[in-house]
């Protein structure tokens, strides 16, 4: 019998003029040792730190089933000023606790399509 597998994804969300980075477990299975690596720097709103500087992004020890972590990055206008070529390549690696298996994904987020969308806050 095959067990369901953990399914962790990373994504960006635009809401009310703000950009968020999401780490989400879409499955009913627990995930552990979640590691995210991004080839590009993603500047946070304080303009001193980068997304990859945050411990929760470097290595998250546990992510419950259906859990979502939402990290504010910056207001949309600032985000697109700081990232005029918003094409981000990630490597995501995590362990599936039930199946005792390590999963690895490469994910590309091309946010250029979102640059000229109308915003409610503009």
PDB file of N, CA and C in Angstrom:
ATOM      1  N   UNK A   1       0.825  -1.172   0.000  1.00  0.00           N
ATOM      2  CA  UNK A   1       0.000   0.000   0.000  1.00  0.00           C
ATOM      3  C   UNK A   1       0.884   1.255   0.000  1.00  0.00           C
ATOM      4  N   UNK A   2       0.616   2.165  -0.897  1.00  0.00           N
ATOM      5  CA  UNK A   2       1.400   3.384  -0.990  1.00  0.00           C
ATOM      6  C   UNK A   2       0.766   4.475  -0.133  1.00  0.00           C
ATOM      7  N   UNK A   3       1.615   5.136   0.654  1.00  0.00           N
ATOM      8  CA  UNK A   3       1.147   6.213   1.519  1.00  0.00           C
ATOM      9  C   UNK A   3       1.114   7.522   0.739  1.00  0.00           C
ATOM     10  N   UNK A   4       0.249   8.452   1.132  1.00  0.00           N
ATOM     11  CA  UNK A   4       0.306   9.798   0.553  1.00  0.00           C
ATOM     12  C   UNK A   4       1.657  10.421   0.891  1.00  0.00           C
ATOM     13  N   UNK A   5       2.091  11.363   0.094  1.00  0.00           N
ATOM     14  CA  UNK A   5       3.391  11.986   0.311  1.00  0.00           C
ATOM     15  C   UNK A   5       3.235  13.450   0.718  1.00  0.00           C
ATOM     16  N   UNK A   6       4.230  13.950   1.412  1.00  0.00           N
ATOM     17  CA  UNK A   6       4.254  15.371   1.765  1.00  0.00           C
ATOM     18  C   UNK A   6       4.458  16.175   0.483  1.00  0.00           C
ATOM     19  N   UNK A   7       3.831  17.336   0.415  1.00  0.00           N
ATOM     20  CA  UNK A   7       3.944  18.183  -0.780  1.00  0.00           C
ATOM     21  C   UNK A   7       4.131  19.640  -0.335  1.00  0.00           C
ATOM     22  N   UNK A   8       5.385  20.028  -0.192  1.00  0.00           N
ATOM     23  CA  UNK A   8       5.726  21.384   0.226  1.00  0.00           C
ATOM     24  C   UNK A   8       5.981  22.224  -1.019  1.00  0.00           C
ATOM     25  N   UNK A   9       5.428  23.431  -1.034  1.00  0.00           N
ATOM     26  CA  UNK A   9       5.647  24.345  -2.151  1.00  0.00           C
ATOM     27  C   UNK A   9       6.026  25.718  -1.596  1.00  0.00           C
ATOM     28  N   UNK A  10       6.671  26.506  -2.455  1.00  0.00           N
ATOM     29  CA  UNK A  10       6.962  27.894  -2.129  1.00  0.00           C
ATOM     30  C   UNK A  10       6.335  28.749  -3.219  1.00  0.00           C
ATOM     31  N   UNK A  11       5.879  29.932  -2.822  1.00  0.00           N
ATOM     32  CA  UNK A  11       5.169  30.766  -3.774  1.00  0.00           C
ATOM     33  C   UNK A  11       5.236  32.220  -3.316  1.00  0.00           C
ATOM     34  N   UNK A  12       4.809  33.101  -4.186  1.00  0.00           N
ATOM     35  CA  UNK A  12       4.659  34.513  -3.856  1.00  0.00           C
ATOM     36  C   UNK A  12       3.179  34.837  -3.905  1.00  0.00           C
ATOM     37  N   UNK A  13       2.771  35.781  -3.070  1.00  0.00           N
ATOM     38  CA  UNK A  13       1.386  36.218  -3.072  1.00  0.00           C
ATOM     39  C   UNK A  13       1.372  37.743  -3.019  1.00  0.00           C
ATOM     40  N   UNK A  14       0.462  38.327  -3.784  1.00  0.00           N
ATOM     41  CA  UNK A  14       0.277  39.772  -3.814  1.00  0.00           C
ATOM     42  C   UNK A  14      -1.078  40.060  -3.187  1.00  0.00           C
ATOM     43  N   UNK A  15      -1.065  40.848  -2.109  1.00  0.00           N
ATOM     44  CA  UNK A  15      -2.322  41.148  -1.438  1.00  0.00           C
ATOM     45  C   UNK A  15      -2.309  42.584  -0.910  1.00  0.00           C
ATOM     46  N   UNK A  16      -3.315  43.353  -1.318  1.00  0.00           N
ATOM     47  CA  UNK A  16      -3.500  44.732  -0.852  1.00  0.00           C
ATOM     48  C   UNK A  16      -2.220  45.554  -0.959  1.00  0.00           C
ATOM     49  N   UNK A  17      -1.524  45.410  -2.092  1.00  0.00           N
ATOM     50  CA  UNK A  17      -0.336  46.211  -2.341  1.00  0.00           C
ATOM     51  C   UNK A  17       0.929  45.703  -1.683  1.00  0.00           C
ATOM     52  N   UNK A  18       0.891  44.506  -1.141  1.00  0.00           N
ATOM     53  CA  UNK A  18       2.046  43.955  -0.449  1.00  0.00           C
ATOM     54  C   UNK A  18       2.443  42.606  -1.059  1.00  0.00           C
ATOM     55  N   UNK A  19       3.738  42.283  -1.019  1.00  0.00           N
ATOM     56  CA  UNK A  19       4.252  41.007  -1.535  1.00  0.00           C
ATOM     57  C   UNK A  19       4.615  40.117  -0.352  1.00  0.00           C
ATOM     58  N   UNK A  20       4.150  38.874  -0.409  1.00  0.00           N
ATOM     59  CA  UNK A  20       4.450  37.883   0.619  1.00  0.00           C
ATOM     60  C   UNK A  20       5.143  36.683  -0.024  1.00  0.00           C
ATOM     61  N   UNK A  21       6.011  36.032   0.752  1.00  0.00           N
ATOM     62  CA  UNK A  21       6.628  34.774   0.348  1.00  0.00           C
ATOM     63  C   UNK A  21       5.963  33.684   1.171  1.00  0.00           C
ATOM     64  N   UNK A  22       5.527  32.606   0.511  1.00  0.00           N
ATOM     65  CA  UNK A  22       4.791  31.540   1.187  1.00  0.00           C
ATOM     66  C   UNK A  22       5.571  30.234   1.187  1.00  0.00           C
ATOM     67  N   UNK A  23       5.543  29.573   2.307  1.00  0.00           N
ATOM     68  CA  UNK A  23       6.016  28.192   2.426  1.00  0.00           C
ATOM     69  C   UNK A  23       4.782  27.412   2.860  1.00  0.00           C
ATOM     70  N   UNK A  24       4.377  26.457   2.059  1.00  0.00           N
ATOM     71  CA  UNK A  24       3.078  25.815   2.287  1.00  0.00           C
ATOM     72  C   UNK A  24       3.202  24.296   2.139  1.00  0.00           C
ATOM     73  N   UNK A  25       2.601  23.592   3.079  1.00  0.00           N
ATOM     74  CA  UNK A  25       2.493  22.134   2.985  1.00  0.00           C
ATOM     75  C   UNK A  25       1.080  21.826   2.493  1.00  0.00           C
ATOM     76  N   UNK A  26       0.959  21.420   1.255  1.00  0.00           N
ATOM     77  CA  UNK A  26      -0.345  21.166   0.644  1.00  0.00           C
ATOM     78  C   UNK A  26      -0.928  19.801   1.001  1.00  0.00           C
ATOM     79  N   UNK A  27      -0.203  19.020   1.745  1.00  0.00           N
ATOM     80  CA  UNK A  27      -0.625  17.637   1.957  1.00  0.00           C
ATOM     81  C   UNK A  27      -1.136  17.397   3.372  1.00  0.00           C
ATOM     82  N   UNK A  28      -1.575  16.187   3.595  1.00  0.00           N
ATOM     83  CA  UNK A  28      -2.009  15.734   4.918  1.00  0.00           C
ATOM     84  C   UNK A  28      -0.859  15.089   5.681  1.00  0.00           C
ATOM     85  N   UNK A  29       0.341  15.140   5.120  1.00  0.00           N
ATOM     86  CA  UNK A  29       1.519  14.511   5.716  1.00  0.00           C
ATOM     87  C   UNK A  29       2.444  15.568   6.316  1.00  0.00           C
ATOM     88  N   UNK A  30       3.156  15.212   7.348  1.00  0.00           N
ATOM     89  CA  UNK A  30       4.120  16.113   7.966  1.00  0.00           C
ATOM     90  C   UNK A  30       5.390  16.187   7.121  1.00  0.00           C
ATOM     91  N   UNK A  31       6.016  17.360   7.135  1.00  0.00           N
ATOM     92  CA  UNK A  31       7.301  17.528   6.444  1.00  0.00           C
ATOM     93  C   UNK A  31       8.310  18.075   7.450  1.00  0.00           C
ATOM     94  N   UNK A  32       9.569  17.714   7.262  1.00  0.00           N
ATOM     95  CA  UNK A  32      10.599  18.196   8.180  1.00  0.00           C
ATOM     96  C   UNK A  32      11.839  18.616   7.395  1.00  0.00           C
ATOM     97  N   UNK A  33      12.720  19.302   8.091  1.00  0.00           N
ATOM     98  CA  UNK A  33      14.007  19.749   7.551  1.00  0.00           C
ATOM     99  C   UNK A  33      13.821  20.402   6.183  1.00  0.00           C
ATOM    100  N   UNK A  34      13.006  21.428   6.148  1.00  0.00           N
ATOM    101  CA  UNK A  34      12.731  22.140   4.904  1.00  0.00           C
ATOM    102  C   UNK A  34      13.853  23.146   4.683  1.00  0.00           C
ATOM    103  N   UNK A  35      14.506  23.062   3.525  1.00  0.00           N
ATOM    104  CA  UNK A  35      15.603  23.960   3.178  1.00  0.00           C
ATOM    105  C   UNK A  35      15.285  24.618   1.845  1.00  0.00           C
ATOM    106  N   UNK A  36      15.476  25.919   1.792  1.00  0.00           N
ATOM    107  CA  UNK A  36      15.202  26.688   0.577  1.00  0.00           C
ATOM    108  C   UNK A  36      16.455  27.464   0.217  1.00  0.00           C
ATOM    109  N   UNK A  37      16.848  27.375  -1.019  1.00  0.00           N
ATOM    110  CA  UNK A  37      17.992  28.134  -1.532  1.00  0.00           C
ATOM    111  C   UNK A  37      17.511  28.913  -2.745  1.00  0.00           C
ATOM    112  N   UNK A  38      17.851  30.195  -2.779  1.00  0.00           N
ATOM    113  CA  UNK A  38      17.494  31.043  -3.916  1.00  0.00           C
ATOM    114  C   UNK A  38      18.773  31.565  -4.551  1.00  0.00           C
ATOM    115  N   UNK A  39      18.858  31.518  -5.878  1.00  0.00           N
ATOM    116  CA  UNK A  39      20.034  31.993  -6.590  1.00  0.00           C
ATOM    117  C   UNK A  39      20.139  33.516  -6.561  1.00  0.00           C
ATOM    118  N   UNK A  40      19.002  34.206  -6.429  1.00  0.00           N
ATOM    119  CA  UNK A  40      18.989  35.661  -6.450  1.00  0.00           C
ATOM    120  C   UNK A  40      18.684  36.192  -5.044  1.00  0.00           C
ATOM    121  N   UNK A  41      19.159  37.400  -4.783  1.00  0.00           N
ATOM    122  CA  UNK A  41      18.826  38.067  -3.524  1.00  0.00           C
ATOM    123  C   UNK A  41      17.416  38.630  -3.610  1.00  0.00           C
ATOM    124  N   UNK A  42      16.648  38.418  -2.563  1.00  0.00           N
ATOM    125  CA  UNK A  42      15.318  39.017  -2.463  1.00  0.00           C
ATOM    126  C   UNK A  42      15.351  39.944  -1.256  1.00  0.00           C
ATOM    127  N   UNK A  43      15.336  41.219  -1.543  1.00  0.00           N
ATOM    128  CA  UNK A  43      15.468  42.266  -0.538  1.00  0.00           C
ATOM    129  C   UNK A  43      14.189  42.376   0.295  1.00  0.00           C
ATOM    130  N   UNK A  44      14.332  42.482   1.614  1.00  0.00           N
ATOM    131  CA  UNK A  44      13.185  42.709   2.484  1.00  0.00           C
ATOM    132  C   UNK A  44      12.947  44.203   2.645  1.00  0.00           C
ATOM    133  N   UNK A  45      11.811  44.563   3.216  1.00  0.00           N
ATOM    134  CA  UNK A  45      11.396  45.964   3.249  1.00  0.00           C
ATOM    135  C   UNK A  45      12.333  46.860   4.044  1.00  0.00           C
ATOM    136  N   UNK A  46      13.097  46.317   5.001  1.00  0.00           N
ATOM    137  CA  UNK A  46      14.038  47.167   5.733  1.00  0.00           C
ATOM    138  C   UNK A  46      15.289  47.469   4.908  1.00  0.00           C
ATOM    139  N   UNK A  47      15.403  46.786   3.769  1.00  0.00           N
ATOM    140  CA  UNK A  47      16.509  46.948   2.812  1.00  0.00           C
ATOM    141  C   UNK A  47      17.872  46.644   3.435  1.00  0.00           C
ATOM    142  N   UNK A  48      17.856  46.023   4.602  1.00  0.00           N
ATOM    143  CA  UNK A  48      19.098  45.604   5.248  1.00  0.00           C
ATOM    144  C   UNK A  48      19.261  44.093   5.160  1.00  0.00           C
ATOM    145  N   UNK A  49      18.132  43.396   5.214  1.00  0.00           N
ATOM    146  CA  UNK A  49      18.173  41.929   5.191  1.00  0.00           C
ATOM    147  C   UNK A  49      17.602  41.402   3.893  1.00  0.00           C
ATOM    148  N   UNK A  50      17.969  40.159   3.628  1.00  0.00           N
ATOM    149  CA  UNK A  50      17.448  39.458   2.460  1.00  0.00           C
ATOM    150  C   UNK A  50      16.610  38.275   2.950  1.00  0.00           C
ATOM    151  N   UNK A  51      15.710  37.825   2.106  1.00  0.00           N
ATOM    152  CA  UNK A  51      14.837  36.710   2.462  1.00  0.00           C
ATOM    153  C   UNK A  51      15.644  35.504   2.936  1.00  0.00           C
ATOM    154  N   UNK A  52      16.734  35.215   2.241  1.00  0.00           N
ATOM    155  CA  UNK A  52      17.526  34.037   2.593  1.00  0.00           C
ATOM    156  C   UNK A  52      18.292  34.201   3.908  1.00  0.00           C
ATOM    157  N   UNK A  53      18.315  35.410   4.476  1.00  0.00           N
ATOM    158  CA  UNK A  53      18.942  35.628   5.781  1.00  0.00           C
ATOM    159  C   UNK A  53      18.071  35.116   6.929  1.00  0.00           C
ATOM    160  N   UNK A  54      16.790  34.953   6.674  1.00  0.00           N
ATOM    161  CA  UNK A  54      15.861  34.532   7.723  1.00  0.00           C
ATOM    162  C   UNK A  54      16.040  33.048   8.035  1.00  0.00           C
ATOM    163  N   UNK A  55      16.161  32.735   9.315  1.00  0.00           N
ATOM    164  CA  UNK A  55      16.372  31.343   9.731  1.00  0.00           C
ATOM    165  C   UNK A  55      15.239  30.429   9.261  1.00  0.00           C
ATOM    166  N   UNK A  56      14.016  30.933   9.294  1.00  0.00           N
ATOM    167  CA  UNK A  56      12.864  30.118   8.901  1.00  0.00           C
ATOM    168  C   UNK A  56      12.951  29.692   7.430  1.00  0.00           C
ATOM    169  N   UNK A  57      13.656  30.458   6.617  1.00  0.00           N
ATOM    170  CA  UNK A  57      13.832  30.120   5.202  1.00  0.00           C
ATOM    171  C   UNK A  57      15.061  29.229   5.013  1.00  0.00           C
ATOM    172  N   UNK A  58      16.098  29.478   5.788  1.00  0.00           N
ATOM    173  CA  UNK A  58      17.318  28.683   5.674  1.00  0.00           C
ATOM    174  C   UNK A  58      17.082  27.224   6.042  1.00  0.00           C
ATOM    175  N   UNK A  59      16.375  27.018   7.156  1.00  0.00           N
ATOM    176  CA  UNK A  59      16.024  25.653   7.545  1.00  0.00           C
ATOM    177  C   UNK A  59      14.887  25.683   8.548  1.00  0.00           C
ATOM    178  N   UNK A  60      13.792  25.139   8.134  1.00  0.00           N
ATOM    179  CA  UNK A  60      12.604  25.003   8.970  1.00  0.00           C
ATOM    180  C   UNK A  60      12.545  23.552   9.416  1.00  0.00           C
ATOM    181  N   UNK A  61      12.520  23.317  10.708  1.00  0.00           N
ATOM    182  CA  UNK A  61      12.627  21.935  11.189  1.00  0.00           C
ATOM    183  C   UNK A  61      11.353  21.115  10.992  1.00  0.00           C
ATOM    184  N   UNK A  62      10.184  21.786  10.985  1.00  0.00           N
ATOM    185  CA  UNK A  62       8.930  21.019  10.895  1.00  0.00           C
ATOM    186  C   UNK A  62       7.851  21.880  10.258  1.00  0.00           C
ATOM    187  N   UNK A  63       7.046  21.263   9.403  1.00  0.00           N
ATOM    188  CA  UNK A  63       5.899  21.937   8.807  1.00  0.00           C
ATOM    189  C   UNK A  63       4.705  20.985   8.875  1.00  0.00           C
ATOM    190  N   UNK A  64       3.734  21.370   9.662  1.00  0.00           N
ATOM    191  CA  UNK A  64       2.554  20.530   9.882  1.00  0.00           C
ATOM    192  C   UNK A  64       1.728  20.389   8.604  1.00  0.00           C
ATOM    193  N   UNK A  65       0.894  19.355   8.545  1.00  0.00           N
ATOM    194  CA  UNK A  65       0.000  19.196   7.394  1.00  0.00           C
ATOM    195  C   UNK A  65      -0.880  20.430   7.201  1.00  0.00           C
ATOM    196  N   UNK A  66      -1.030  20.851   5.959  1.00  0.00           N
ATOM    197  CA  UNK A  66      -1.873  21.991   5.559  1.00  0.00           C
ATOM    198  C   UNK A  66      -1.424  23.333   6.155  1.00  0.00           C
ATOM    199  N   UNK A  67      -0.239  23.372   6.734  1.00  0.00           N
ATOM    200  CA  UNK A  67       0.285  24.600   7.343  1.00  0.00           C
ATOM    201  C   UNK A  67       0.861  25.522   6.270  1.00  0.00           C
ATOM    202  N   UNK A  68       0.678  26.833   6.482  1.00  0.00           N
ATOM    203  CA  UNK A  68       1.238  27.836   5.585  1.00  0.00           C
ATOM    204  C   UNK A  68       1.958  28.886   6.412  1.00  0.00           C
ATOM    205  N   UNK A  69       3.159  29.232   5.987  1.00  0.00           N
ATOM    206  CA  UNK A  69       3.918  30.310   6.608  1.00  0.00           C
ATOM    207  C   UNK A  69       3.984  31.431   5.593  1.00  0.00           C
ATOM    208  N   UNK A  70       3.600  32.612   6.022  1.00  0.00           N
ATOM    209  CA  UNK A  70       3.496  33.778   5.137  1.00  0.00           C
ATOM    210  C   UNK A  70       4.467  34.845   5.629  1.00  0.00           C
ATOM    211  N   UNK A  71       5.466  35.152   4.823  1.00  0.00           N
ATOM    212  CA  UNK A  71       6.513  36.094   5.206  1.00  0.00           C
ATOM    213  C   UNK A  71       6.349  37.375   4.398  1.00  0.00           C
ATOM    214  N   UNK A  72       6.115  38.511   5.074  1.00  0.00           N
ATOM    215  CA  UNK A  72       6.008  39.769   4.329  1.00  0.00           C
ATOM    216  C   UNK A  72       7.371  40.170   3.764  1.00  0.00           C
ATOM    217  N   UNK A  73       7.390  40.557   2.493  1.00  0.00           N
ATOM    218  CA  UNK A  73       8.646  40.990   1.868  1.00  0.00           C
ATOM    219  C   UNK A  73       8.700  42.503   1.798  1.00  0.00           C
ATOM    220  N   UNK A  74       7.753  43.108   1.105  1.00  0.00           N
ATOM    221  CA  UNK A  74       7.740  44.565   0.988  1.00  0.00           C
ATOM    222  C   UNK A  74       6.485  45.003   0.246  1.00  0.00           C
ATOM    223  N   UNK A  75       6.207  46.312   0.245  1.00  0.00           N
ATOM    224  CA  UNK A  75       5.130  46.803  -0.608  1.00  0.00           C
ATOM    225  C   UNK A  75       5.467  46.513  -2.073  1.00  0.00           C
ATOM    226  N   UNK A  76       4.440  46.287  -2.887  1.00  0.00           N
ATOM    227  CA  UNK A  76       4.650  45.926  -4.297  1.00  0.00           C
ATOM    228  C   UNK A  76       5.561  46.913  -5.023  1.00  0.00           C
ATOM    229  N   UNK A  77       5.287  48.215  -4.882  1.00  0.00           N
ATOM    230  CA  UNK A  77       6.086  49.212  -5.590  1.00  0.00           C
ATOM    231  C   UNK A  77       7.566  49.092  -5.228  1.00  0.00           C
ATOM    232  N   UNK A  78       7.855  48.960  -3.945  1.00  0.00           N
ATOM    233  CA  UNK A  78       9.233  48.824  -3.480  1.00  0.00           C
ATOM    234  C   UNK A  78       9.848  47.520  -3.999  1.00  0.00           C
ATOM    235  N   UNK A  79       9.052  46.458  -3.970  1.00  0.00           N
ATOM    236  CA  UNK A  79       9.533  45.151  -4.443  1.00  0.00           C
ATOM    237  C   UNK A  79      10.000  45.243  -5.896  1.00  0.00           C
ATOM    238  N   UNK A  80       9.188  45.848  -6.754  1.00  0.00           N
ATOM    239  CA  UNK A  80       9.547  45.922  -8.168  1.00  0.00           C
ATOM    240  C   UNK A  80      10.634  46.961  -8.436  1.00  0.00           C
ATOM    241  N   UNK A  81      10.798  47.951  -7.567  1.00  0.00           N
ATOM    242  CA  UNK A  81      11.939  48.862  -7.674  1.00  0.00           C
ATOM    243  C   UNK A  81      13.230  48.125  -7.325  1.00  0.00           C
ATOM    244  N   UNK A  82      13.183  47.318  -6.272  1.00  0.00           N
ATOM    245  CA  UNK A  82      14.368  46.575  -5.825  1.00  0.00           C
ATOM    246  C   UNK A  82      14.703  45.402  -6.739  1.00  0.00           C
ATOM    247  N   UNK A  83      13.717  44.887  -7.453  1.00  0.00           N
ATOM    248  CA  UNK A  83      13.900  43.698  -8.302  1.00  0.00           C
ATOM    249  C   UNK A  83      13.344  44.002  -9.687  1.00  0.00           C
ATOM    250  N   UNK A  84      14.126  44.726 -10.494  1.00  0.00           N
ATOM    251  CA  UNK A  84      13.613  45.099 -11.817  1.00  0.00           C
ATOM    252  C   UNK A  84      13.539  43.911 -12.770  1.00  0.00           C
ATOM    253  N   UNK A  85      14.217  42.833 -12.481  1.00  0.00           N
ATOM    254  CA  UNK A  85      14.086  41.567 -13.217  1.00  0.00           C
ATOM    255  C   UNK A  85      13.631  40.496 -12.222  1.00  0.00           C
ATOM    256  N   UNK A  86      12.365  40.472 -11.853  1.00  0.00           N
ATOM    257  CA  UNK A  86      11.903  39.557 -10.806  1.00  0.00           C
ATOM    258  C   UNK A  86      11.716  38.119 -11.293  1.00  0.00           C
ATOM    259  N   UNK A  87      12.829  37.492 -11.596  1.00  0.00           N
ATOM    260  CA  UNK A  87      12.852  36.083 -12.001  1.00  0.00           C
ATOM    261  C   UNK A  87      13.690  35.359 -10.954  1.00  0.00           C
ATOM    262  N   UNK A  88      13.054  34.499 -10.183  1.00  0.00           N
ATOM    263  CA  UNK A  88      13.712  33.873  -9.040  1.00  0.00           C
ATOM    264  C   UNK A  88      13.745  32.358  -9.214  1.00  0.00           C
ATOM    265  N   UNK A  89      14.932  31.789  -9.005  1.00  0.00           N
ATOM    266  CA  UNK A  89      15.117  30.337  -9.094  1.00  0.00           C
ATOM    267  C   UNK A  89      15.417  29.793  -7.701  1.00  0.00           C
ATOM    268  N   UNK A  90      14.640  28.800  -7.302  1.00  0.00           N
ATOM    269  CA  UNK A  90      14.759  28.215  -5.973  1.00  0.00           C
ATOM    270  C   UNK A  90      15.071  26.732  -6.068  1.00  0.00           C
ATOM    271  N   UNK A  91      15.757  26.248  -5.036  1.00  0.00           N
ATOM    272  CA  UNK A  91      15.865  24.807  -4.787  1.00  0.00           C
ATOM    273  C   UNK A  91      15.204  24.569  -3.437  1.00  0.00           C
ATOM    274  N   UNK A  92      14.283  23.650  -3.417  1.00  0.00           N
ATOM    275  CA  UNK A  92      13.520  23.308  -2.217  1.00  0.00           C
ATOM    276  C   UNK A  92      13.775  21.842  -1.907  1.00  0.00           C
ATOM    277  N   UNK A  93      14.139  21.585  -0.660  1.00  0.00           N
ATOM    278  CA  UNK A  93      14.410  20.211  -0.243  1.00  0.00           C
ATOM    279  C   UNK A  93      13.726  19.990   1.101  1.00  0.00           C
ATOM    280  N   UNK A  94      13.085  18.844   1.264  1.00  0.00           N
ATOM    281  CA  UNK A  94      12.409  18.545   2.523  1.00  0.00           C
ATOM    282  C   UNK A  94      12.274  17.044   2.703  1.00  0.00           C
ATOM    283  N   UNK A  95      12.025  16.657   3.942  1.00  0.00           N
ATOM    284  CA  UNK A  95      11.840  15.253   4.278  1.00  0.00           C
ATOM    285  C   UNK A  95      10.365  14.971   4.527  1.00  0.00           C
ATOM    286  N   UNK A  96       9.940  13.837   4.053  1.00  0.00           N
ATOM    287  CA  UNK A  96       8.596  13.318   4.279  1.00  0.00           C
ATOM    288  C   UNK A  96       8.705  12.378   5.478  1.00  0.00           C
ATOM    289  N   UNK A  97       8.128  12.756   6.615  1.00  0.00           N
ATOM    290  CA  UNK A  97       8.305  11.977   7.845  1.00  0.00           C
ATOM    291  C   UNK A  97       7.690  10.583   7.775  1.00  0.00           C
ATOM    292  N   UNK A  98       6.514  10.451   7.171  1.00  0.00           N
ATOM    293  CA  UNK A  98       5.849   9.152   7.121  1.00  0.00           C
ATOM    294  C   UNK A  98       6.588   8.177   6.206  1.00  0.00           C
ATOM    295  N   UNK A  99       6.943   8.652   5.011  1.00  0.00           N
ATOM    296  CA  UNK A  99       7.582   7.773   4.027  1.00  0.00           C
ATOM    297  C   UNK A  99       9.098   7.710   4.168  1.00  0.00           C
ATOM    298  N   UNK A 100       9.636   8.539   5.074  1.00  0.00           N
ATOM    299  CA  UNK A 100      11.078   8.583   5.319  1.00  0.00           C
ATOM    300  C   UNK A 100      11.848   8.771   4.010  1.00  0.00           C
ATOM    301  N   UNK A 101      11.408   9.773   3.255  1.00  0.00           N
ATOM    302  CA  UNK A 101      12.014  10.055   1.955  1.00  0.00           C
ATOM    303  C   UNK A 101      12.334  11.540   1.870  1.00  0.00           C
ATOM    304  N   UNK A 102      13.415  11.878   1.170  1.00  0.00           N
ATOM    305  CA  UNK A 102      13.778  13.272   0.930  1.00  0.00           C
ATOM    306  C   UNK A 102      13.335  13.656  -0.471  1.00  0.00           C
ATOM    307  N   UNK A 103      12.673  14.805  -0.571  1.00  0.00           N
ATOM    308  CA  UNK A 103      12.206  15.324  -1.845  1.00  0.00           C
ATOM    309  C   UNK A 103      12.997  16.575  -2.185  1.00  0.00           C
ATOM    310  N   UNK A 104      13.257  16.762  -3.450  1.00  0.00           N
ATOM    311  CA  UNK A 104      13.981  17.940  -3.920  1.00  0.00           C
ATOM    312  C   UNK A 104      13.280  18.468  -5.171  1.00  0.00           C
ATOM    313  N   UNK A 105      13.089  19.799  -5.210  1.00  0.00           N
ATOM    314  CA  UNK A 105      12.417  20.426  -6.352  1.00  0.00           C
ATOM    315  C   UNK A 105      13.206  21.656  -6.771  1.00  0.00           C
ATOM    316  N   UNK A 106      13.174  21.942  -8.046  1.00  0.00           N
ATOM    317  CA  UNK A 106      13.662  23.220  -8.550  1.00  0.00           C
ATOM    318  C   UNK A 106      12.450  23.993  -9.041  1.00  0.00           C
ATOM    319  N   UNK A 107      12.338  25.226  -8.571  1.00  0.00           N
ATOM    320  CA  UNK A 107      11.158  26.029  -8.874  1.00  0.00           C
ATOM    321  C   UNK A 107      11.614  27.386  -9.383  1.00  0.00           C
ATOM    322  N   UNK A 108      11.012  27.829 -10.483  1.00  0.00           N
ATOM    323  CA  UNK A 108      11.280  29.162 -11.012  1.00  0.00           C
ATOM    324  C   UNK A 108      10.001  29.980 -10.912  1.00  0.00           C
ATOM    325  N   UNK A 109      10.136  31.156 -10.293  1.00  0.00           N
ATOM    326  CA  UNK A 109       9.016  32.088 -10.211  1.00  0.00           C
ATOM    327  C   UNK A 109       9.362  33.304 -11.058  1.00  0.00           C
ATOM    328  N   UNK A 110       8.596  33.501 -12.125  1.00  0.00           N
ATOM    329  CA  UNK A 110       8.771  34.657 -13.000  1.00  0.00           C
ATOM    330  C   UNK A 110       7.670  35.651 -12.665  1.00  0.00           C
ATOM    331  N   UNK A 111       8.020  36.668 -11.897  1.00  0.00           N
ATOM    332  CA  UNK A 111       7.024  37.620 -11.420  1.00  0.00           C
ATOM    333  C   UNK A 111       6.900  38.845 -12.325  1.00  0.00           C
ATOM    334  N   UNK A 112       7.563  38.824 -13.474  1.00  0.00           N
ATOM    335  CA  UNK A 112       7.471  39.951 -14.407  1.00  0.00           C
ATOM    336  C   UNK A 112       6.036  40.183 -14.857  1.00  0.00           C
ATOM    337  N   UNK A 113       5.252  39.140 -14.948  1.00  0.00           N
ATOM    338  CA  UNK A 113       3.860  39.264 -15.379  1.00  0.00           C
ATOM    339  C   UNK A 113       3.024  40.075 -14.391  1.00  0.00           C
ATOM    340  N   UNK A 114       3.486  40.180 -13.146  1.00  0.00           N
ATOM    341  CA  UNK A 114       2.730  40.888 -12.115  1.00  0.00           C
ATOM    342  C   UNK A 114       3.100  42.370 -12.008  1.00  0.00           C
ATOM    343  N   UNK A 115       4.148  42.794 -12.712  1.00  0.00           N
ATOM    344  CA  UNK A 115       4.656  44.154 -12.568  1.00  0.00           C
ATOM    345  C   UNK A 115       3.647  45.229 -12.959  1.00  0.00           C
ATOM    346  N   UNK A 116       2.834  44.968 -13.958  1.00  0.00           N
ATOM    347  CA  UNK A 116       1.929  46.016 -14.424  1.00  0.00           C
ATOM    348  C   UNK A 116       0.464  45.759 -14.086  1.00  0.00           C
ATOM    349  N   UNK A 117       0.214  44.843 -13.173  1.00  0.00           N
ATOM    350  CA  UNK A 117      -1.167  44.611 -12.747  1.00  0.00           C
ATOM    351  C   UNK A 117      -1.643  45.747 -11.853  1.00  0.00           C
ATOM    352  N   UNK A 118      -2.893  46.153 -11.971  1.00  0.00           N
ATOM    353  CA  UNK A 118      -3.401  47.195 -11.080  1.00  0.00           C
ATOM    354  C   UNK A 118      -3.441  46.703  -9.637  1.00  0.00           C
ATOM    355  N   UNK A 119      -3.217  47.601  -8.720  1.00  0.00           N
ATOM    356  CA  UNK A 119      -3.261  47.267  -7.301  1.00  0.00           C
ATOM    357  C   UNK A 119      -4.335  48.117  -6.637  1.00  0.00           C
ATOM    358  N   UNK A 120      -4.982  47.597  -5.630  1.00  0.00           N
ATOM    359  CA  UNK A 120      -6.010  48.337  -4.916  1.00  0.00           C
ATOM    360  C   UNK A 120      -5.420  49.515  -4.131  1.00  0.00           C
ATOM    361  N   UNK A 121      -4.138  49.420  -3.771  1.00  0.00           N
ATOM    362  CA  UNK A 121      -3.519  50.468  -2.969  1.00  0.00           C
ATOM    363  C   UNK A 121      -2.856  51.565  -3.792  1.00  0.00           C
ATOM    364  N   UNK A 122      -2.870  51.469  -5.091  1.00  0.00           N
ATOM    365  CA  UNK A 122      -2.191  52.485  -5.910  1.00  0.00           C
ATOM    366  C   UNK A 122      -3.132  53.580  -6.297  1.00  0.00           C
TER     367      UNK A 122
END
